[in-house]
Amino acid sequence: MKILRRQKTGIPKKYVFLVALLFIIVVLIQISGTEQNPNAALFIRRIVLFGSVYFLWALLLDYINAIIKPFEKERSIVLQIIERLISSGLLVIINLGVTNIFYYAILISFEGMNFSEAYHDFQPYILKSIIVRYLDVVIIGLILKIVDANQALQRQKLQVVSLENQLHISQLETLRNQLDPHFLFNTLHTLNTLIGYDDKKARSMVIKVTNLLRKILDKRERQLITFDEELDYFKNYLEIEEERFHDRLEVIIDIDDATREIMVPTLMLQPLIENAFKHGIAQLESKGNIKLMALKKDNYFVISLSNSIPKNKESKASVSTNYGLKNLDMRLRQVYGENYVLHTQKEIDYYTITITIKNKN
């Protein structure tokens, strides 16, 4: 038979003893409130008695916890009930014996009480003390059941959060892996236009593309980077495209320094700048403009990218860039939930994409 088994509660000991102290205080207040003529000596005796009782229960808590644990399916239920009844009875006897030996040892040592007087003082309370100790075991067991149920609920919630987090990371990685080939295709297409036409620029561009891809690979495991790091990607991409459009491109970058340390999804600006070149600057016969603006206003982080588009013909931006913008929109939703807005606006000769992110802090 498995008698007096231990099952750790997982509750830090300091909290167990703190609760025991609260029990002692509550019991002392309750008893003192019913007395008409309280005296200091009696109050001290009760502190010794109830202090020893509840602090000993704190030491025996793991044994009580074993009693309330679910039954083992492979063993006889009747046998396990008998084991737990015997265990609870032994715990009552241990608590009753140890605390009263301690209590009366104090009285004998400091108040001159002899063994016979101690026995006669304790005899009327034996049955009552046993019943009270059993009630203590029941109450402590119920409290442990509630704590255990709460801990199980918290563990379940943590598991759900962990699974959701893993899913979000997986989805972000999938979306970013879709984005990287798209960017690489556009870059190689630009490089192809230079080969044979201007080999010096082509070689320079290969070096810049290599540097950019190295930076992307270095941070591949990071789903979030600072906006300052994202700007570095953005500027590297601009340098690549400027090799192709240097004679008809003007770039304006206006960045609020307060935005530089804000965390953003990696390559967040990539679809925006690709859109600006492919469906804006590349369609122009004259000089075009690209303007990137970022600012922090109140509790909002605002990013805006505007680019020139042809005046007299329908821009393909609203049709052909759906993939890039939908991809970006899904990534932003994974990171920010409902705390962002992605807005596009087409004017006569400008196309603007604005991202507004609510600062959770």
Protein backbone atom coordinates (compact mmCIF):
# COMPACT_ATOMS: atom_id res chain seq x y z
CA MET A 1 0.00 0.00 0.00
CA LYS A 2 1.08 3.54 -0.78
CA ILE A 3 0.75 5.44 2.47
CA LEU A 4 1.83 9.04 3.07
CA ARG A 5 2.99 9.73 -0.46
CA ARG A 6 4.36 13.13 -1.41
CA GLN A 7 3.18 15.10 -4.42
CA LYS A 8 4.77 18.52 -4.84
CA THR A 9 2.32 21.35 -5.28
CA GLY A 10 4.56 23.58 -7.36
CA ILE A 11 3.66 26.50 -5.07
CA PRO A 12 6.72 28.38 -3.77
CA LYS A 13 7.27 27.68 -0.06
CA LYS A 14 7.31 31.36 0.84
CA TYR A 15 3.72 31.70 -0.38
CA VAL A 16 2.68 28.55 1.47
CA PHE A 17 4.01 29.91 4.78
CA LEU A 18 2.50 33.33 4.04
CA VAL A 19 -0.94 31.74 3.65
CA ALA A 20 -0.35 29.74 6.86
CA LEU A 21 0.42 33.01 8.65
CA LEU A 22 -2.81 34.53 7.32
CA PHE A 23 -4.76 31.52 8.59
CA ILE A 24 -3.20 31.98 12.04
CA ILE A 25 -4.12 35.68 12.11
CA VAL A 26 -7.71 35.01 10.97
CA VAL A 27 -8.24 32.28 13.60
CA LEU A 28 -6.76 34.42 16.39
CA ILE A 29 -8.94 37.40 15.44
CA GLN A 30 -12.03 35.20 15.27
CA ILE A 31 -11.42 33.62 18.70
CA SER A 32 -10.41 36.92 20.35
CA GLY A 33 -13.59 38.55 19.10
CA THR A 34 -15.76 36.06 21.00
CA GLU A 35 -14.01 36.54 24.37
CA GLN A 36 -15.36 38.96 26.94
CA ASN A 37 -12.22 39.17 29.11
CA PRO A 38 -9.17 38.44 26.96
CA ASN A 39 -5.75 38.38 28.61
CA ALA A 40 -2.21 38.50 27.24
CA ALA A 41 -1.07 35.14 28.64
CA LEU A 42 -3.96 33.28 26.97
CA PHE A 43 -3.39 35.14 23.71
CA ILE A 44 0.30 34.12 23.66
CA ARG A 45 -0.63 30.48 24.36
CA ARG A 46 -2.97 30.54 21.35
CA ILE A 47 -0.29 32.07 19.15
CA VAL A 48 1.99 29.16 20.08
CA LEU A 49 -0.73 26.55 19.53
CA PHE A 50 -2.23 27.79 16.25
CA GLY A 51 1.16 28.90 14.95
CA SER A 52 2.54 25.39 15.37
CA VAL A 53 -0.63 23.83 13.87
CA TYR A 54 -0.70 25.80 10.63
CA PHE A 55 3.03 26.00 10.09
CA LEU A 56 3.17 22.22 10.46
CA TRP A 57 0.34 21.90 7.90
CA ALA A 58 2.48 24.04 5.61
CA LEU A 59 5.33 21.55 6.02
CA LEU A 60 2.96 18.64 5.35
CA LEU A 61 1.29 20.28 2.34
CA ASP A 62 2.87 17.93 -0.23
CA TYR A 63 1.37 14.93 1.60
CA ILE A 64 -2.12 16.49 1.58
CA ASN A 65 -1.66 17.27 -2.10
CA ALA A 66 -0.99 13.56 -2.80
CA ILE A 67 -4.32 12.67 -1.11
CA ILE A 68 -6.40 14.88 -3.44
CA LYS A 69 -4.75 13.83 -6.70
CA PRO A 70 -6.87 11.90 -9.25
CA PHE A 71 -7.07 8.14 -8.81
CA GLU A 72 -4.71 5.93 -10.81
CA LYS A 73 -6.73 4.01 -13.42
CA GLU A 74 -4.58 0.88 -13.32
CA ARG A 75 -5.05 0.39 -9.56
CA SER A 76 -8.09 -0.54 -7.49
CA ILE A 77 -10.19 2.51 -6.60
CA VAL A 78 -11.27 0.96 -3.30
CA LEU A 79 -7.65 0.31 -2.33
CA GLN A 80 -6.69 3.88 -3.19
CA ILE A 81 -9.59 5.26 -1.10
CA ILE A 82 -8.42 3.17 1.87
CA GLU A 83 -4.83 4.38 1.37
CA ARG A 84 -5.96 8.01 1.36
CA LEU A 85 -8.15 7.62 4.41
CA ILE A 86 -5.26 6.04 6.30
CA SER A 87 -2.88 8.76 5.04
CA SER A 88 -5.23 11.56 6.13
CA GLY A 89 -5.66 9.88 9.52
CA LEU A 90 -1.90 9.60 10.00
CA LEU A 91 -1.47 13.28 9.01
CA VAL A 92 -4.07 14.25 11.62
CA ILE A 93 -2.26 12.18 14.26
CA ILE A 94 1.13 13.64 13.28
CA ASN A 95 -0.16 17.20 13.43
CA LEU A 96 -2.09 16.64 16.64
CA GLY A 97 0.83 14.89 18.34
CA VAL A 98 3.66 17.21 17.24
CA THR A 99 1.80 20.48 17.86
CA ASN A 100 0.52 19.50 21.30
CA ILE A 101 3.87 18.08 22.41
CA PHE A 102 5.44 21.38 21.35
CA TYR A 103 2.65 23.42 22.97
CA TYR A 104 2.74 21.66 26.34
CA ALA A 105 6.54 21.52 26.33
CA ILE A 106 6.47 25.32 26.20
CA LEU A 107 3.93 25.48 29.05
CA ILE A 108 5.93 23.02 31.18
CA SER A 109 9.16 24.92 30.57
CA PHE A 110 7.90 28.47 31.09
CA GLU A 111 4.74 28.26 33.18
CA GLY A 112 5.72 25.47 35.59
CA MET A 113 2.96 23.08 34.45
CA ASN A 114 3.69 19.39 35.23
CA PHE A 115 2.90 16.36 33.00
CA SER A 116 -0.25 15.43 34.92
CA GLU A 117 -1.64 18.95 34.61
CA ALA A 118 -0.76 19.01 30.89
CA TYR A 119 -2.65 15.72 30.32
CA HIS A 120 -5.75 16.88 32.23
CA ASP A 121 -5.65 20.21 30.36
CA PHE A 122 -5.57 18.46 26.97
CA GLN A 123 -7.98 15.53 27.67
CA PRO A 124 -11.29 17.45 27.19
CA TYR A 125 -10.14 18.69 23.78
CA ILE A 126 -8.90 15.42 22.25
CA LEU A 127 -12.02 14.58 20.21
CA LYS A 128 -12.61 18.20 19.23
CA SER A 129 -8.98 18.56 18.17
CA ILE A 130 -9.18 15.44 15.99
CA ILE A 131 -12.33 16.73 14.26
CA VAL A 132 -10.78 20.17 13.73
CA ARG A 133 -7.63 18.62 12.24
CA TYR A 134 -9.72 16.54 9.84
CA LEU A 135 -11.59 19.71 8.84
CA ASP A 136 -8.21 21.37 8.29
CA VAL A 137 -7.22 18.56 5.90
CA VAL A 138 -10.52 18.90 4.01
CA ILE A 139 -10.26 22.70 3.73
CA ILE A 140 -6.59 22.61 2.71
CA GLY A 141 -7.42 19.87 0.17
CA LEU A 142 -10.21 21.99 -1.35
CA ILE A 143 -7.90 24.99 -1.57
CA LEU A 144 -5.24 22.85 -3.28
CA LYS A 145 -7.87 21.54 -5.72
CA ILE A 146 -8.83 25.10 -6.65
CA VAL A 147 -5.16 26.10 -7.04
CA ASP A 148 -4.46 22.99 -9.11
CA ALA A 149 -7.44 23.67 -11.39
CA ASN A 150 -6.31 27.27 -11.82
CA GLN A 151 -2.75 26.17 -12.63
CA ALA A 152 -4.07 23.68 -15.19
CA LEU A 153 -6.15 26.44 -16.78
CA GLN A 154 -3.14 28.76 -16.91
CA ARG A 155 -1.00 26.01 -18.45
CA GLN A 156 -3.69 25.41 -21.06
CA LYS A 157 -3.83 29.13 -21.86
CA LEU A 158 -0.03 29.26 -22.16
CA GLN A 159 -0.11 26.29 -24.52
CA VAL A 160 -2.75 28.00 -26.67
CA VAL A 161 -0.73 31.23 -26.74
CA SER A 162 2.42 29.27 -27.57
CA LEU A 163 0.68 27.44 -30.42
CA GLU A 164 -0.78 30.70 -31.74
CA ASN A 165 2.66 32.30 -31.56
CA GLN A 166 4.22 29.39 -33.45
CA LEU A 167 1.46 29.64 -36.06
CA HIS A 168 2.02 33.38 -36.47
CA ILE A 169 5.76 32.88 -36.88
CA SER A 170 5.14 30.13 -39.43
CA GLN A 171 2.71 32.31 -41.36
CA LEU A 172 5.09 35.27 -41.28
CA GLU A 173 7.92 33.09 -42.53
CA THR A 174 5.74 31.75 -45.35
CA LEU A 175 4.70 35.25 -46.39
CA ARG A 176 8.27 36.53 -46.29
CA ASN A 177 9.51 33.55 -48.30
CA GLN A 178 6.92 34.48 -50.93
CA LEU A 179 8.21 38.05 -50.90
CA ASP A 180 11.95 37.32 -51.27
CA PRO A 181 11.71 35.60 -54.73
CA HIS A 182 9.46 38.44 -55.93
CA PHE A 183 12.08 41.00 -54.95
CA LEU A 184 14.89 38.90 -56.43
CA PHE A 185 13.07 38.54 -59.75
CA ASN A 186 12.62 42.31 -60.09
CA THR A 187 16.26 42.95 -59.15
CA LEU A 188 17.60 40.42 -61.66
CA HIS A 189 15.36 41.93 -64.32
CA THR A 190 16.92 45.34 -63.65
CA LEU A 191 20.40 43.80 -63.78
CA ASN A 192 19.59 42.15 -67.09
CA THR A 193 18.80 45.52 -68.68
CA LEU A 194 22.33 46.74 -67.88
CA ILE A 195 24.34 43.74 -69.08
CA GLY A 196 25.79 44.48 -72.49
CA TYR A 197 24.58 48.06 -72.30
CA ASP A 198 26.75 49.28 -69.44
CA ASP A 199 28.96 46.53 -68.04
CA LYS A 200 30.57 48.83 -65.48
CA LYS A 201 27.19 49.65 -63.96
CA ALA A 202 26.22 45.99 -64.16
CA ARG A 203 29.29 44.96 -62.14
CA SER A 204 28.59 47.74 -59.61
CA MET A 205 25.00 46.59 -59.35
CA VAL A 206 26.01 42.95 -58.79
CA ILE A 207 28.10 44.06 -55.81
CA LYS A 208 25.20 46.09 -54.41
CA VAL A 209 22.73 43.24 -54.91
CA THR A 210 25.16 40.85 -53.20
CA ASN A 211 25.53 43.20 -50.24
CA LEU A 212 21.78 43.60 -49.95
CA LEU A 213 21.11 39.85 -50.08
CA ARG A 214 23.82 39.27 -47.48
CA LYS A 215 22.10 41.72 -45.12
CA ILE A 216 18.76 40.01 -45.71
CA LEU A 217 20.24 36.57 -45.01
CA ASP A 218 22.03 37.82 -41.88
CA LYS A 219 18.68 38.81 -40.38
CA ARG A 220 16.62 36.01 -41.88
CA GLU A 221 15.73 34.55 -38.46
CA ARG A 222 14.36 37.88 -37.25
CA GLN A 223 10.73 38.60 -38.03
CA LEU A 224 10.96 42.10 -36.53
CA ILE A 225 13.74 44.67 -36.92
CA THR A 226 14.07 48.36 -36.08
CA PHE A 227 12.73 50.83 -38.61
CA ASP A 228 16.27 52.18 -38.89
CA GLU A 229 17.45 48.75 -40.10
CA GLU A 230 14.50 48.60 -42.50
CA LEU A 231 15.55 51.99 -43.87
CA ASP A 232 18.98 50.54 -44.52
CA TYR A 233 17.38 47.86 -46.74
CA PHE A 234 15.31 50.55 -48.42
CA LYS A 235 18.35 52.71 -49.21
CA ASN A 236 20.29 49.71 -50.52
CA TYR A 237 17.43 48.88 -52.87
CA LEU A 238 17.32 52.52 -54.01
CA GLU A 239 21.02 52.41 -54.81
CA ILE A 240 20.39 49.40 -57.04
CA GLU A 241 17.51 51.05 -58.89
CA GLU A 242 19.35 54.37 -59.18
CA GLU A 243 21.87 52.58 -61.38
CA ARG A 244 19.05 52.20 -63.86
CA PHE A 245 17.09 55.43 -63.37
CA HIS A 246 19.81 57.82 -62.15
CA ASP A 247 19.11 60.38 -64.90
CA ARG A 248 15.36 60.63 -64.29
CA LEU A 249 14.83 59.95 -60.62
CA GLU A 250 14.58 62.23 -57.60
CA VAL A 251 14.32 60.67 -54.14
CA ILE A 252 13.21 62.50 -50.99
CA ILE A 253 13.50 60.78 -47.61
CA ASP A 254 11.98 62.54 -44.60
CA ILE A 255 12.31 60.47 -41.43
CA ASP A 256 11.38 61.48 -37.89
CA ASP A 257 14.23 60.32 -35.61
CA ALA A 258 11.64 59.16 -33.06
CA THR A 259 10.60 56.39 -35.47
CA ARG A 260 14.01 54.80 -35.94
CA GLU A 261 13.85 52.40 -32.98
CA ILE A 262 10.28 51.25 -33.60
CA MET A 263 10.10 47.53 -34.40
CA VAL A 264 8.60 46.64 -37.80
CA PRO A 265 8.30 43.46 -39.92
CA THR A 266 11.42 42.69 -41.96
CA LEU A 267 11.21 43.95 -45.58
CA MET A 268 8.02 45.90 -44.85
CA LEU A 269 9.03 48.69 -47.25
CA GLN A 270 10.10 46.30 -50.01
CA PRO A 271 6.73 45.89 -51.78
CA LEU A 272 6.16 49.64 -51.55
CA ILE A 273 9.40 50.58 -53.28
CA GLU A 274 9.00 47.78 -55.84
CA ASN A 275 5.53 49.11 -56.62
CA ALA A 276 6.90 52.66 -56.98
CA PHE A 277 9.48 51.61 -59.59
CA LYS A 278 7.60 48.95 -61.52
CA HIS A 279 4.28 50.75 -61.90
CA GLY A 280 5.41 54.34 -61.52
CA ILE A 281 8.95 55.40 -62.37
CA ALA A 282 9.49 52.71 -65.05
CA GLN A 283 6.33 53.86 -66.87
CA LEU A 284 7.43 57.51 -67.08
CA GLU A 285 9.13 59.08 -70.05
CA SER A 286 10.25 62.07 -68.00
CA LYS A 287 11.78 62.54 -64.57
CA GLY A 288 9.92 61.00 -61.62
CA ASN A 289 9.86 61.41 -57.87
CA ILE A 290 9.77 59.05 -54.92
CA LYS A 291 9.14 60.38 -51.44
CA LEU A 292 9.33 58.33 -48.25
CA MET A 293 8.01 59.95 -45.09
CA ALA A 294 7.85 58.49 -41.58
CA LEU A 295 6.72 60.21 -38.40
CA LYS A 296 5.49 59.48 -34.92
CA LYS A 297 2.42 61.45 -33.97
CA ASP A 298 0.71 60.94 -30.62
CA ASN A 299 0.19 57.16 -30.37
CA TYR A 300 0.57 56.52 -34.09
CA PHE A 301 3.46 55.59 -36.35
CA VAL A 302 2.82 56.78 -39.92
CA ILE A 303 4.75 55.64 -42.99
CA SER A 304 3.94 57.12 -46.38
CA LEU A 305 5.52 56.42 -49.76
CA SER A 306 4.52 58.48 -52.80
CA ASN A 307 5.69 58.07 -56.38
CA SER A 308 5.06 59.69 -59.73
CA ILE A 309 2.81 57.89 -62.21
CA PRO A 310 1.94 58.67 -65.85
CA LYS A 311 -0.69 61.37 -66.17
CA ASN A 312 -2.43 60.44 -69.38
CA LYS A 313 -2.79 56.67 -69.12
CA GLU A 314 -4.22 54.20 -66.66
CA SER A 315 -1.65 53.11 -64.09
CA LYS A 316 -1.29 49.36 -63.54
CA ALA A 317 -0.62 49.92 -59.84
CA SER A 318 -4.16 49.28 -58.71
CA VAL A 319 -4.26 45.96 -60.59
CA SER A 320 -0.77 44.51 -60.84
CA THR A 321 0.45 45.22 -57.31
CA ASN A 322 -2.36 43.39 -55.55
CA TYR A 323 -0.05 40.48 -54.75
CA GLY A 324 2.62 42.63 -53.08
CA LEU A 325 0.14 44.74 -51.11
CA LYS A 326 -1.96 41.75 -50.06
CA ASN A 327 1.19 40.02 -48.91
CA LEU A 328 2.20 43.09 -46.91
CA ASP A 329 -1.32 43.48 -45.51
CA MET A 330 -1.29 39.86 -44.26
CA ARG A 331 2.12 40.32 -42.64
CA LEU A 332 1.00 43.52 -40.91
CA ARG A 333 -2.14 41.76 -39.65
CA GLN A 334 -0.04 38.95 -38.19
CA VAL A 335 2.10 41.43 -36.25
CA TYR A 336 -0.33 44.22 -35.33
CA GLY A 337 -3.77 42.58 -35.43
CA GLU A 338 -6.33 45.35 -35.85
CA ASN A 339 -3.95 48.10 -34.75
CA TYR A 340 -2.97 49.28 -38.23
CA VAL A 341 -4.43 50.72 -41.46
CA LEU A 342 -3.00 50.29 -44.96
CA HIS A 343 -4.40 52.95 -47.28
CA THR A 344 -3.77 53.65 -50.98
CA GLN A 345 -4.60 56.86 -52.82
CA LYS A 346 -4.28 57.62 -56.53
CA GLU A 347 -4.14 61.19 -57.81
CA ILE A 348 -3.58 62.55 -61.29
CA ASP A 349 0.19 62.08 -61.31
CA TYR A 350 0.92 60.52 -57.91
CA TYR A 351 0.26 57.22 -56.19
CA THR A 352 0.54 57.09 -52.38
CA ILE A 353 0.56 54.18 -49.97
CA THR A 354 0.19 55.04 -46.28
CA ILE A 355 0.59 52.67 -43.34
CA THR A 356 -0.67 53.88 -39.96
CA ILE A 357 0.26 51.76 -36.96
CA LYS A 358 -1.16 52.32 -33.49
CA ASN A 359 1.56 52.28 -30.83
CA LYS A 360 0.58 49.70 -28.19
CA ASN A 361 2.73 51.43 -25.56
